[in-house]
Amino acid sequence: MNQTVGKIGAAITGLSVLSFAVSMIVRLFNDSIGTYPSCLSSLFIAIGFVIFICSIFAVNNKPEHKAVGMAGIAFAVMYAVIIFLVYFAEITTVSLNHTLSEETLSIISYGYTGSLFFNYDLLGYAMMALSTFLAAFAVVPKDKGDRGLKLLLWIHGVFFLPCLIIPLFPLFKTGTSIIPGTILLEVWCAYFLPICILGLRYFNRKENPHIDFFTNI
Protein backbone atom coordinates (compact mmCIF):
# COMPACT_ATOMS: atom_id res chain seq x y z
CA MET A 1 0.00 0.00 0.00
CA ASN A 2 2.81 2.43 0.89
CA GLN A 3 4.46 1.80 -2.47
CA THR A 4 1.20 2.41 -4.34
CA VAL A 5 0.63 5.69 -2.50
CA GLY A 6 4.23 6.65 -3.28
CA LYS A 7 3.70 6.02 -6.99
CA ILE A 8 0.55 8.14 -6.90
CA GLY A 9 2.41 10.96 -5.15
CA ALA A 10 5.31 10.82 -7.62
CA ALA A 11 2.90 10.76 -10.58
CA ILE A 12 0.83 13.70 -9.29
CA THR A 13 3.98 15.72 -8.64
CA GLY A 14 5.53 14.89 -12.01
CA LEU A 15 2.39 15.66 -14.03
CA SER A 16 1.86 18.88 -12.09
CA VAL A 17 5.47 19.99 -12.66
CA LEU A 18 5.02 19.30 -16.39
CA SER A 19 1.73 21.23 -16.40
CA PHE A 20 3.43 24.09 -14.53
CA ALA A 21 6.25 24.24 -17.08
CA VAL A 22 3.88 24.22 -20.06
CA SER A 23 1.57 26.86 -18.57
CA MET A 24 4.49 29.25 -18.01
CA ILE A 25 5.71 28.84 -21.59
CA VAL A 26 2.21 29.43 -22.93
CA ARG A 27 1.92 32.59 -20.84
CA LEU A 28 5.05 34.02 -22.45
CA PHE A 29 3.21 34.02 -25.79
CA ASN A 30 -0.28 34.70 -24.45
CA ASP A 31 -0.24 36.77 -21.30
CA SER A 32 -4.05 36.90 -21.25
CA ILE A 33 -4.19 33.45 -19.59
CA GLY A 34 -2.65 35.02 -16.50
CA THR A 35 -1.21 33.05 -13.61
CA TYR A 36 -4.24 30.84 -12.96
CA PRO A 37 -2.97 27.67 -14.78
CA SER A 38 0.50 27.81 -13.23
CA CYS A 39 -0.87 28.57 -9.75
CA LEU A 40 -3.35 25.70 -9.97
CA SER A 41 -0.54 23.38 -11.08
CA SER A 42 1.55 24.52 -8.11
CA LEU A 43 -1.20 23.54 -5.68
CA PHE A 44 -1.15 20.01 -7.07
CA ILE A 45 2.66 19.94 -6.95
CA ALA A 46 2.36 20.61 -3.22
CA ILE A 47 -0.25 17.88 -2.75
CA GLY A 48 1.78 15.30 -4.66
CA PHE A 49 5.04 16.33 -3.00
CA VAL A 50 3.77 15.76 0.55
CA ILE A 51 2.51 12.30 -0.45
CA PHE A 52 5.82 11.61 -2.19
CA ILE A 53 7.99 12.56 0.78
CA CYS A 54 5.78 10.71 3.28
CA SER A 55 6.00 7.59 1.13
CA ILE A 56 9.80 7.69 0.96
CA PHE A 57 9.83 7.51 4.74
CA ALA A 58 7.03 4.91 4.89
CA VAL A 59 8.84 2.36 2.68
CA ASN A 60 12.06 2.69 4.67
CA ASN A 61 12.19 0.16 7.49
CA LYS A 62 15.50 1.29 8.97
CA PRO A 63 15.03 2.76 12.50
CA GLU A 64 18.12 4.95 12.13
CA HIS A 65 16.37 6.91 9.38
CA LYS A 66 13.25 7.64 11.42
CA ALA A 67 14.25 11.07 12.72
CA VAL A 68 15.54 12.39 9.39
CA GLY A 69 12.48 11.01 7.59
CA MET A 70 10.06 12.68 9.99
CA ALA A 71 12.00 15.96 9.72
CA GLY A 72 11.73 15.74 5.94
CA ILE A 73 7.97 15.27 6.24
CA ALA A 74 7.68 18.24 8.61
CA PHE A 75 9.42 20.58 6.18
CA ALA A 76 7.34 19.18 3.29
CA VAL A 77 4.18 20.13 5.19
CA MET A 78 5.60 23.60 5.90
CA TYR A 79 6.28 24.00 2.16
CA ALA A 80 2.75 22.90 1.25
CA VAL A 81 1.11 25.29 3.73
CA ILE A 82 3.11 28.29 2.48
CA ILE A 83 2.55 27.43 -1.18
CA PHE A 84 -1.19 26.96 -0.66
CA LEU A 85 -1.44 30.36 1.03
CA VAL A 86 0.49 32.09 -1.77
CA TYR A 87 -1.10 30.47 -4.81
CA PHE A 88 -4.62 30.16 -3.44
CA ALA A 89 -4.54 33.89 -2.73
CA GLU A 90 -3.29 34.47 -6.28
CA ILE A 91 -6.10 32.52 -7.99
CA THR A 92 -8.81 33.94 -5.75
CA THR A 93 -8.22 37.37 -4.18
CA VAL A 94 -5.73 38.61 -6.75
CA SER A 95 -7.21 37.11 -9.94
CA LEU A 96 -10.89 37.67 -9.18
CA ASN A 97 -10.71 41.13 -7.62
CA HIS A 98 -10.07 43.58 -10.47
CA THR A 99 -10.37 46.65 -8.24
CA LEU A 100 -7.11 46.07 -6.38
CA SER A 101 -4.66 48.94 -6.69
CA GLU A 102 -1.11 48.56 -7.96
CA GLU A 103 0.13 49.33 -4.47
CA THR A 104 -1.92 46.48 -3.02
CA LEU A 105 -0.86 44.07 -5.76
CA SER A 106 2.78 44.95 -5.15
CA ILE A 107 2.32 43.45 -1.69
CA ILE A 108 0.00 40.45 -2.08
CA SER A 109 0.72 39.30 -5.64
CA TYR A 110 3.62 36.90 -6.00
CA GLY A 111 3.83 38.10 -9.61
CA TYR A 112 5.51 41.26 -8.32
CA THR A 113 9.20 40.64 -7.72
CA GLY A 114 10.05 41.53 -4.14
CA SER A 115 6.45 41.54 -2.91
CA LEU A 116 5.51 39.97 0.40
CA PHE A 117 3.98 36.94 -1.29
CA PHE A 118 6.93 36.65 -3.69
CA ASN A 119 9.17 36.33 -0.64
CA TYR A 120 6.77 33.84 0.94
CA ASP A 121 6.94 31.84 -2.29
CA LEU A 122 10.73 31.66 -2.07
CA LEU A 123 10.46 30.66 1.59
CA GLY A 124 8.17 27.83 0.57
CA TYR A 125 10.67 26.55 -1.98
CA ALA A 126 13.39 26.79 0.67
CA MET A 127 11.35 24.44 2.85
CA MET A 128 10.86 22.13 -0.13
CA ALA A 129 14.61 22.01 -0.76
CA LEU A 130 15.35 21.23 2.88
CA SER A 131 12.70 18.50 2.79
CA THR A 132 14.25 16.78 -0.24
CA PHE A 133 17.73 16.99 1.30
CA LEU A 134 16.52 15.21 4.45
CA ALA A 135 14.35 12.72 2.56
CA ALA A 136 17.36 11.64 0.52
CA PHE A 137 18.83 10.01 3.63
CA ALA A 138 15.77 7.75 3.80
CA VAL A 139 16.19 6.49 0.23
CA VAL A 140 17.74 3.02 0.27
CA PRO A 141 19.33 2.56 -3.18
CA LYS A 142 19.42 -0.83 -4.90
CA ASP A 143 20.79 0.23 -8.29
CA LYS A 144 22.06 3.25 -10.23
CA GLY A 145 18.51 4.57 -10.76
CA ASP A 146 17.90 4.68 -7.02
CA ARG A 147 21.31 6.23 -6.45
CA GLY A 148 20.44 8.85 -9.04
CA LEU A 149 17.23 9.66 -7.16
CA LYS A 150 19.12 9.96 -3.88
CA LEU A 151 21.75 12.24 -5.46
CA LEU A 152 19.18 14.49 -7.15
CA LEU A 153 17.28 14.88 -3.89
CA TRP A 154 20.47 15.81 -2.08
CA ILE A 155 21.56 18.31 -4.72
CA HIS A 156 18.09 19.88 -4.73
CA GLY A 157 18.72 20.72 -1.09
CA VAL A 158 21.29 23.29 -2.26
CA PHE A 159 18.36 25.57 -3.20
CA PHE A 160 17.55 26.00 0.50
CA LEU A 161 20.08 28.73 1.22
CA PRO A 162 19.53 30.84 -1.95
CA CYS A 163 15.74 30.75 -1.51
CA LEU A 164 16.11 31.72 2.13
CA ILE A 165 18.71 34.45 1.61
CA ILE A 166 17.51 36.17 -1.60
CA PRO A 167 14.53 37.93 0.07
CA LEU A 168 16.91 39.40 2.67
CA PHE A 169 18.81 41.39 0.06
CA PRO A 170 17.56 43.63 -2.79
CA LEU A 171 19.05 41.38 -5.46
CA PHE A 172 16.11 41.85 -7.81
CA LYS A 173 14.38 45.07 -8.75
CA THR A 174 10.70 45.33 -7.96
CA GLY A 175 8.66 44.76 -11.10
CA THR A 176 6.30 42.52 -13.03
CA SER A 177 8.49 41.14 -15.83
CA ILE A 178 7.81 37.42 -16.11
CA ILE A 179 10.76 36.47 -18.32
CA PRO A 180 13.55 36.12 -15.69
CA GLY A 181 11.30 34.21 -13.29
CA THR A 182 9.99 31.98 -16.07
CA ILE A 183 13.49 31.00 -17.14
CA LEU A 184 14.51 30.13 -13.58
CA LEU A 185 11.36 28.11 -12.97
CA GLU A 186 11.69 26.27 -16.27
CA VAL A 187 15.20 25.23 -15.23
CA TRP A 188 13.79 24.05 -11.91
CA CYS A 189 11.08 22.04 -13.70
CA ALA A 190 13.69 20.41 -15.95
CA TYR A 191 15.62 19.41 -12.83
CA PHE A 192 12.73 18.23 -10.68
CA LEU A 193 10.85 16.19 -13.30
CA PRO A 194 13.55 13.45 -13.34
CA ILE A 195 13.20 13.24 -9.55
CA CYS A 196 9.52 12.41 -10.01
CA ILE A 197 10.26 9.83 -12.71
CA LEU A 198 12.98 8.14 -10.65
CA GLY A 199 10.70 8.32 -7.61
CA LEU A 200 7.96 6.51 -9.53
CA ARG A 201 10.51 3.89 -10.52
CA TYR A 202 11.76 3.60 -6.93
CA PHE A 203 8.32 2.87 -5.51
CA ASN A 204 7.47 0.51 -8.35
CA ARG A 205 10.59 -1.55 -7.63
CA LYS A 206 9.70 -1.59 -3.95
CA GLU A 207 6.25 -2.91 -4.82
CA ASN A 208 7.39 -5.31 -7.56
CA PRO A 209 11.04 -6.20 -6.87
CA HIS A 210 11.09 -8.79 -9.66
CA ILE A 211 9.83 -6.39 -12.32
CA ASP A 212 12.43 -4.05 -13.77
CA PHE A 213 10.69 -0.73 -14.43
CA PHE A 214 12.59 1.47 -16.91
CA THR A 215 15.23 -1.20 -17.42
CA ASN A 216 17.85 1.14 -18.79
CA ILE A 217 17.75 3.54 -15.86
C-alpha atoms as a PDB file:
ATOM      1  CA  MET A   1       0.000   0.000   0.000  1.00  0.00           C
ATOM      2  CA  ASN A   2       2.813   2.430   0.894  1.00  0.00           C
ATOM      3  CA  GLN A   3       4.456   1.803  -2.469  1.00  0.00           C
ATOM      4  CA  THR A   4       1.195   2.413  -4.343  1.00  0.00           C
ATOM      5  CA  VAL A   5       0.635   5.686  -2.497  1.00  0.00           C
ATOM      6  CA  GLY A   6       4.229   6.653  -3.281  1.00  0.00           C
ATOM      7  CA  LYS A   7       3.700   6.024  -6.990  1.00  0.00           C
ATOM      8  CA  ILE A   8       0.551   8.135  -6.897  1.00  0.00           C
ATOM      9  CA  GLY A   9       2.411  10.957  -5.149  1.00  0.00           C
ATOM     10  CA  ALA A  10       5.310  10.818  -7.624  1.00  0.00           C
ATOM     11  CA  ALA A  11       2.901  10.762 -10.578  1.00  0.00           C
ATOM     12  CA  ILE A  12       0.834  13.697  -9.292  1.00  0.00           C
ATOM     13  CA  THR A  13       3.977  15.720  -8.637  1.00  0.00           C
ATOM     14  CA  GLY A  14       5.530  14.892 -12.009  1.00  0.00           C
ATOM     15  CA  LEU A  15       2.393  15.656 -14.033  1.00  0.00           C
ATOM     16  CA  SER A  16       1.862  18.879 -12.091  1.00  0.00           C
ATOM     17  CA  VAL A  17       5.467  19.986 -12.662  1.00  0.00           C
ATOM     18  CA  LEU A  18       5.019  19.300 -16.386  1.00  0.00           C
ATOM     19  CA  SER A  19       1.733  21.232 -16.397  1.00  0.00           C
ATOM     20  CA  PHE A  20       3.426  24.093 -14.531  1.00  0.00           C
ATOM     21  CA  ALA A  21       6.252  24.239 -17.075  1.00  0.00           C
ATOM     22  CA  VAL A  22       3.882  24.216 -20.059  1.00  0.00           C
ATOM     23  CA  SER A  23       1.574  26.857 -18.565  1.00  0.00           C
ATOM     24  CA  MET A  24       4.490  29.250 -18.010  1.00  0.00           C
ATOM     25  CA  ILE A  25       5.711  28.843 -21.586  1.00  0.00           C
ATOM     26  CA  VAL A  26       2.208  29.433 -22.931  1.00  0.00           C
ATOM     27  CA  ARG A  27       1.920  32.588 -20.841  1.00  0.00           C
ATOM     28  CA  LEU A  28       5.046  34.015 -22.452  1.00  0.00           C
ATOM     29  CA  PHE A  29       3.212  34.023 -25.787  1.00  0.00           C
ATOM     30  CA  ASN A  30      -0.280  34.696 -24.450  1.00  0.00           C
ATOM     31  CA  ASP A  31      -0.238  36.773 -21.298  1.00  0.00           C
ATOM     32  CA  SER A  32      -4.048  36.896 -21.250  1.00  0.00           C
ATOM     33  CA  ILE A  33      -4.194  33.452 -19.594  1.00  0.00           C
ATOM     34  CA  GLY A  34      -2.649  35.017 -16.499  1.00  0.00           C
ATOM     35  CA  THR A  35      -1.214  33.051 -13.609  1.00  0.00           C
ATOM     36  CA  TYR A  36      -4.235  30.837 -12.962  1.00  0.00           C
ATOM     37  CA  PRO A  37      -2.974  27.675 -14.777  1.00  0.00           C
ATOM     38  CA  SER A  38       0.502  27.815 -13.229  1.00  0.00           C
ATOM     39  CA  CYS A  39      -0.868  28.567  -9.748  1.00  0.00           C
ATOM     40  CA  LEU A  40      -3.348  25.705  -9.966  1.00  0.00           C
ATOM     41  CA  SER A  41      -0.544  23.380 -11.076  1.00  0.00           C
ATOM     42  CA  SER A  42       1.549  24.523  -8.109  1.00  0.00           C
ATOM     43  CA  LEU A  43      -1.203  23.539  -5.682  1.00  0.00           C
ATOM     44  CA  PHE A  44      -1.148  20.005  -7.071  1.00  0.00           C
ATOM     45  CA  ILE A  45       2.663  19.940  -6.946  1.00  0.00           C
ATOM     46  CA  ALA A  46       2.360  20.608  -3.218  1.00  0.00           C
ATOM     47  CA  ILE A  47      -0.248  17.876  -2.754  1.00  0.00           C
ATOM     48  CA  GLY A  48       1.783  15.302  -4.655  1.00  0.00           C
ATOM     49  CA  PHE A  49       5.038  16.329  -2.998  1.00  0.00           C
ATOM     50  CA  VAL A  50       3.769  15.757   0.549  1.00  0.00           C
ATOM     51  CA  ILE A  51       2.505  12.304  -0.448  1.00  0.00           C
ATOM     52  CA  PHE A  52       5.824  11.609  -2.188  1.00  0.00           C
ATOM     53  CA  ILE A  53       7.995  12.559   0.784  1.00  0.00           C
ATOM     54  CA  CYS A  54       5.781  10.713   3.283  1.00  0.00           C
ATOM     55  CA  SER A  55       5.999   7.592   1.130  1.00  0.00           C
ATOM     56  CA  ILE A  56       9.804   7.692   0.962  1.00  0.00           C
ATOM     57  CA  PHE A  57       9.835   7.505   4.745  1.00  0.00           C
ATOM     58  CA  ALA A  58       7.034   4.910   4.893  1.00  0.00           C
ATOM     59  CA  VAL A  59       8.836   2.356   2.682  1.00  0.00           C
ATOM     60  CA  ASN A  60      12.064   2.694   4.667  1.00  0.00           C
ATOM     61  CA  ASN A  61      12.187   0.160   7.492  1.00  0.00           C
ATOM     62  CA  LYS A  62      15.495   1.294   8.974  1.00  0.00           C
ATOM     63  CA  PRO A  63      15.026   2.762  12.498  1.00  0.00           C
ATOM     64  CA  GLU A  64      18.121   4.949  12.134  1.00  0.00           C
ATOM     65  CA  HIS A  65      16.366   6.907   9.379  1.00  0.00           C
ATOM     66  CA  LYS A  66      13.251   7.638  11.418  1.00  0.00           C
ATOM     67  CA  ALA A  67      14.251  11.068  12.718  1.00  0.00           C
ATOM     68  CA  VAL A  68      15.545  12.393   9.390  1.00  0.00           C
ATOM     69  CA  GLY A  69      12.481  11.010   7.593  1.00  0.00           C
ATOM     70  CA  MET A  70      10.062  12.682   9.988  1.00  0.00           C
ATOM     71  CA  ALA A  71      12.001  15.958   9.722  1.00  0.00           C
ATOM     72  CA  GLY A  72      11.729  15.742   5.942  1.00  0.00           C
ATOM     73  CA  ILE A  73       7.966  15.267   6.239  1.00  0.00           C
ATOM     74  CA  ALA A  74       7.675  18.235   8.607  1.00  0.00           C
ATOM     75  CA  PHE A  75       9.423  20.578   6.176  1.00  0.00           C
ATOM     76  CA  ALA A  76       7.343  19.184   3.287  1.00  0.00           C
ATOM     77  CA  VAL A  77       4.184  20.129   5.188  1.00  0.00           C
ATOM     78  CA  MET A  78       5.598  23.604   5.896  1.00  0.00           C
ATOM     79  CA  TYR A  79       6.284  23.998   2.163  1.00  0.00           C
ATOM     80  CA  ALA A  80       2.753  22.895   1.253  1.00  0.00           C
ATOM     81  CA  VAL A  81       1.111  25.286   3.734  1.00  0.00           C
ATOM     82  CA  ILE A  82       3.114  28.286   2.484  1.00  0.00           C
ATOM     83  CA  ILE A  83       2.549  27.435  -1.177  1.00  0.00           C
ATOM     84  CA  PHE A  84      -1.191  26.955  -0.660  1.00  0.00           C
ATOM     85  CA  LEU A  85      -1.443  30.359   1.031  1.00  0.00           C
ATOM     86  CA  VAL A  86       0.492  32.091  -1.769  1.00  0.00           C
ATOM     87  CA  TYR A  87      -1.100  30.469  -4.813  1.00  0.00           C
ATOM     88  CA  PHE A  88      -4.618  30.156  -3.436  1.00  0.00           C
ATOM     89  CA  ALA A  89      -4.543  33.893  -2.732  1.00  0.00           C
ATOM     90  CA  GLU A  90      -3.285  34.466  -6.278  1.00  0.00           C
ATOM     91  CA  ILE A  91      -6.100  32.516  -7.994  1.00  0.00           C
ATOM     92  CA  THR A  92      -8.813  33.945  -5.749  1.00  0.00           C
ATOM     93  CA  THR A  93      -8.222  37.367  -4.176  1.00  0.00           C
ATOM     94  CA  VAL A  94      -5.729  38.610  -6.751  1.00  0.00           C
ATOM     95  CA  SER A  95      -7.211  37.112  -9.937  1.00  0.00           C
ATOM     96  CA  LEU A  96     -10.886  37.666  -9.176  1.00  0.00           C
ATOM     97  CA  ASN A  97     -10.712  41.135  -7.621  1.00  0.00           C
ATOM     98  CA  HIS A  98     -10.065  43.579 -10.465  1.00  0.00           C
ATOM     99  CA  THR A  99     -10.373  46.646  -8.236  1.00  0.00           C
ATOM    100  CA  LEU A 100      -7.115  46.068  -6.377  1.00  0.00           C
ATOM    101  CA  SER A 101      -4.661  48.942  -6.695  1.00  0.00           C
ATOM    102  CA  GLU A 102      -1.107  48.562  -7.965  1.00  0.00           C
ATOM    103  CA  GLU A 103       0.134  49.334  -4.468  1.00  0.00           C
ATOM    104  CA  THR A 104      -1.922  46.480  -3.025  1.00  0.00           C
ATOM    105  CA  LEU A 105      -0.863  44.074  -5.759  1.00  0.00           C
ATOM    106  CA  SER A 106       2.782  44.953  -5.154  1.00  0.00           C
ATOM    107  CA  ILE A 107       2.325  43.451  -1.694  1.00  0.00           C
ATOM    108  CA  ILE A 108       0.002  40.454  -2.083  1.00  0.00           C
ATOM    109  CA  SER A 109       0.716  39.302  -5.635  1.00  0.00           C
ATOM    110  CA  TYR A 110       3.624  36.902  -6.001  1.00  0.00           C
ATOM    111  CA  GLY A 111       3.834  38.098  -9.613  1.00  0.00           C
ATOM    112  CA  TYR A 112       5.506  41.257  -8.322  1.00  0.00           C
ATOM    113  CA  THR A 113       9.203  40.640  -7.724  1.00  0.00           C
ATOM    114  CA  GLY A 114      10.054  41.534  -4.145  1.00  0.00           C
ATOM    115  CA  SER A 115       6.452  41.545  -2.913  1.00  0.00           C
ATOM    116  CA  LEU A 116       5.514  39.966   0.404  1.00  0.00           C
ATOM    117  CA  PHE A 117       3.978  36.939  -1.287  1.00  0.00           C
ATOM    118  CA  PHE A 118       6.928  36.651  -3.693  1.00  0.00           C
ATOM    119  CA  ASN A 119       9.168  36.335  -0.639  1.00  0.00           C
ATOM    120  CA  TYR A 120       6.767  33.840   0.937  1.00  0.00           C
ATOM    121  CA  ASP A 121       6.945  31.843  -2.295  1.00  0.00           C
ATOM    122  CA  LEU A 122      10.735  31.656  -2.066  1.00  0.00           C
ATOM    123  CA  LEU A 123      10.461  30.663   1.590  1.00  0.00           C
ATOM    124  CA  GLY A 124       8.170  27.830   0.573  1.00  0.00           C
ATOM    125  CA  TYR A 125      10.668  26.546  -1.977  1.00  0.00           C
ATOM    126  CA  ALA A 126      13.391  26.790   0.667  1.00  0.00           C
ATOM    127  CA  MET A 127      11.354  24.441   2.853  1.00  0.00           C
ATOM    128  CA  MET A 128      10.862  22.128  -0.128  1.00  0.00           C
ATOM    129  CA  ALA A 129      14.608  22.012  -0.763  1.00  0.00           C
ATOM    130  CA  LEU A 130      15.345  21.229   2.875  1.00  0.00           C
ATOM    131  CA  SER A 131      12.700  18.498   2.789  1.00  0.00           C
ATOM    132  CA  THR A 132      14.251  16.778  -0.244  1.00  0.00           C
ATOM    133  CA  PHE A 133      17.726  16.988   1.300  1.00  0.00           C
ATOM    134  CA  LEU A 134      16.521  15.214   4.451  1.00  0.00           C
ATOM    135  CA  ALA A 135      14.346  12.724   2.558  1.00  0.00           C
ATOM    136  CA  ALA A 136      17.361  11.638   0.515  1.00  0.00           C
ATOM    137  CA  PHE A 137      18.830  10.008   3.626  1.00  0.00           C
ATOM    138  CA  ALA A 138      15.773   7.749   3.797  1.00  0.00           C
ATOM    139  CA  VAL A 139      16.185   6.494   0.226  1.00  0.00           C
ATOM    140  CA  VAL A 140      17.739   3.019   0.271  1.00  0.00           C
ATOM    141  CA  PRO A 141      19.330   2.557  -3.178  1.00  0.00           C
ATOM    142  CA  LYS A 142      19.420  -0.826  -4.903  1.00  0.00           C
ATOM    143  CA  ASP A 143      20.789   0.233  -8.286  1.00  0.00           C
ATOM    144  CA  LYS A 144      22.058   3.245 -10.228  1.00  0.00           C
ATOM    145  CA  GLY A 145      18.514   4.569 -10.757  1.00  0.00           C
ATOM    146  CA  ASP A 146      17.897   4.680  -7.019  1.00  0.00           C
ATOM    147  CA  ARG A 147      21.310   6.234  -6.445  1.00  0.00           C
ATOM    148  CA  GLY A 148      20.437   8.847  -9.036  1.00  0.00           C
ATOM    149  CA  LEU A 149      17.228   9.655  -7.156  1.00  0.00           C
ATOM    150  CA  LYS A 150      19.120   9.962  -3.884  1.00  0.00           C
ATOM    151  CA  LEU A 151      21.750  12.237  -5.457  1.00  0.00           C
ATOM    152  CA  LEU A 152      19.185  14.486  -7.150  1.00  0.00           C
ATOM    153  CA  LEU A 153      17.276  14.884  -3.885  1.00  0.00           C
ATOM    154  CA  TRP A 154      20.472  15.810  -2.080  1.00  0.00           C
ATOM    155  CA  ILE A 155      21.560  18.313  -4.721  1.00  0.00           C
ATOM    156  CA  HIS A 156      18.089  19.878  -4.726  1.00  0.00           C
ATOM    157  CA  GLY A 157      18.717  20.720  -1.088  1.00  0.00           C
ATOM    158  CA  VAL A 158      21.287  23.290  -2.257  1.00  0.00           C
ATOM    159  CA  PHE A 159      18.363  25.569  -3.195  1.00  0.00           C
ATOM    160  CA  PHE A 160      17.551  25.995   0.504  1.00  0.00           C
ATOM    161  CA  LEU A 161      20.085  28.726   1.218  1.00  0.00           C
ATOM    162  CA  PRO A 162      19.535  30.841  -1.948  1.00  0.00           C
ATOM    163  CA  CYS A 163      15.743  30.754  -1.512  1.00  0.00           C
ATOM    164  CA  LEU A 164      16.113  31.721   2.133  1.00  0.00           C
ATOM    165  CA  ILE A 165      18.708  34.448   1.611  1.00  0.00           C
ATOM    166  CA  ILE A 166      17.515  36.171  -1.599  1.00  0.00           C
ATOM    167  CA  PRO A 167      14.529  37.935   0.066  1.00  0.00           C
ATOM    168  CA  LEU A 168      16.907  39.398   2.670  1.00  0.00           C
ATOM    169  CA  PHE A 169      18.807  41.395   0.062  1.00  0.00           C
ATOM    170  CA  PRO A 170      17.561  43.631  -2.791  1.00  0.00           C
ATOM    171  CA  LEU A 171      19.046  41.380  -5.458  1.00  0.00           C
ATOM    172  CA  PHE A 172      16.109  41.849  -7.813  1.00  0.00           C
ATOM    173  CA  LYS A 173      14.385  45.070  -8.750  1.00  0.00           C
ATOM    174  CA  THR A 174      10.697  45.326  -7.965  1.00  0.00           C
ATOM    175  CA  GLY A 175       8.664  44.761 -11.096  1.00  0.00           C
ATOM    176  CA  THR A 176       6.296  42.522 -13.027  1.00  0.00           C
ATOM    177  CA  SER A 177       8.490  41.144 -15.830  1.00  0.00           C
ATOM    178  CA  ILE A 178       7.810  37.416 -16.115  1.00  0.00           C
ATOM    179  CA  ILE A 179      10.757  36.467 -18.322  1.00  0.00           C
ATOM    180  CA  PRO A 180      13.546  36.117 -15.689  1.00  0.00           C
ATOM    181  CA  GLY A 181      11.298  34.210 -13.288  1.00  0.00           C
ATOM    182  CA  THR A 182       9.993  31.984 -16.066  1.00  0.00           C
ATOM    183  CA  ILE A 183      13.495  31.002 -17.141  1.00  0.00           C
ATOM    184  CA  LEU A 184      14.507  30.135 -13.583  1.00  0.00           C
ATOM    185  CA  LEU A 185      11.356  28.111 -12.966  1.00  0.00           C
ATOM    186  CA  GLU A 186      11.685  26.266 -16.274  1.00  0.00           C
ATOM    187  CA  VAL A 187      15.197  25.228 -15.231  1.00  0.00           C
ATOM    188  CA  TRP A 188      13.788  24.052 -11.912  1.00  0.00           C
ATOM    189  CA  CYS A 189      11.079  22.038 -13.698  1.00  0.00           C
ATOM    190  CA  ALA A 190      13.686  20.414 -15.951  1.00  0.00           C
ATOM    191  CA  TYR A 191      15.620  19.413 -12.834  1.00  0.00           C
ATOM    192  CA  PHE A 192      12.726  18.228 -10.684  1.00  0.00           C
ATOM    193  CA  LEU A 193      10.849  16.188 -13.298  1.00  0.00           C
ATOM    194  CA  PRO A 194      13.552  13.445 -13.340  1.00  0.00           C
ATOM    195  CA  ILE A 195      13.201  13.239  -9.545  1.00  0.00           C
ATOM    196  CA  CYS A 196       9.520  12.407 -10.009  1.00  0.00           C
ATOM    197  CA  ILE A 197      10.261   9.825 -12.707  1.00  0.00           C
ATOM    198  CA  LEU A 198      12.980   8.144 -10.654  1.00  0.00           C
ATOM    199  CA  GLY A 199      10.700   8.319  -7.607  1.00  0.00           C
ATOM    200  CA  LEU A 200       7.961   6.506  -9.528  1.00  0.00           C
ATOM    201  CA  ARG A 201      10.512   3.886 -10.519  1.00  0.00           C
ATOM    202  CA  TYR A 202      11.765   3.599  -6.926  1.00  0.00           C
ATOM    203  CA  PHE A 203       8.317   2.874  -5.512  1.00  0.00           C
ATOM    204  CA  ASN A 204       7.472   0.512  -8.351  1.00  0.00           C
ATOM    205  CA  ARG A 205      10.591  -1.553  -7.634  1.00  0.00           C
ATOM    206  CA  LYS A 206       9.697  -1.588  -3.947  1.00  0.00           C
ATOM    207  CA  GLU A 207       6.248  -2.906  -4.821  1.00  0.00           C
ATOM    208  CA  ASN A 208       7.389  -5.310  -7.562  1.00  0.00           C
ATOM    209  CA  PRO A 209      11.040  -6.197  -6.872  1.00  0.00           C
ATOM    210  CA  HIS A 210      11.095  -8.792  -9.664  1.00  0.00           C
ATOM    211  CA  ILE A 211       9.829  -6.393 -12.319  1.00  0.00           C
ATOM    212  CA  ASP A 212      12.429  -4.050 -13.765  1.00  0.00           C
ATOM    213  CA  PHE A 213      10.693  -0.727 -14.432  1.00  0.00           C
ATOM    214  CA  PHE A 214      12.589   1.472 -16.913  1.00  0.00           C
ATOM    215  CA  THR A 215      15.233  -1.201 -17.423  1.00  0.00           C
ATOM    216  CA  ASN A 216      17.851   1.136 -18.794  1.00  0.00           C
ATOM    217  CA  ILE A 217      17.747   3.538 -15.864  1.00  0.00           C
END
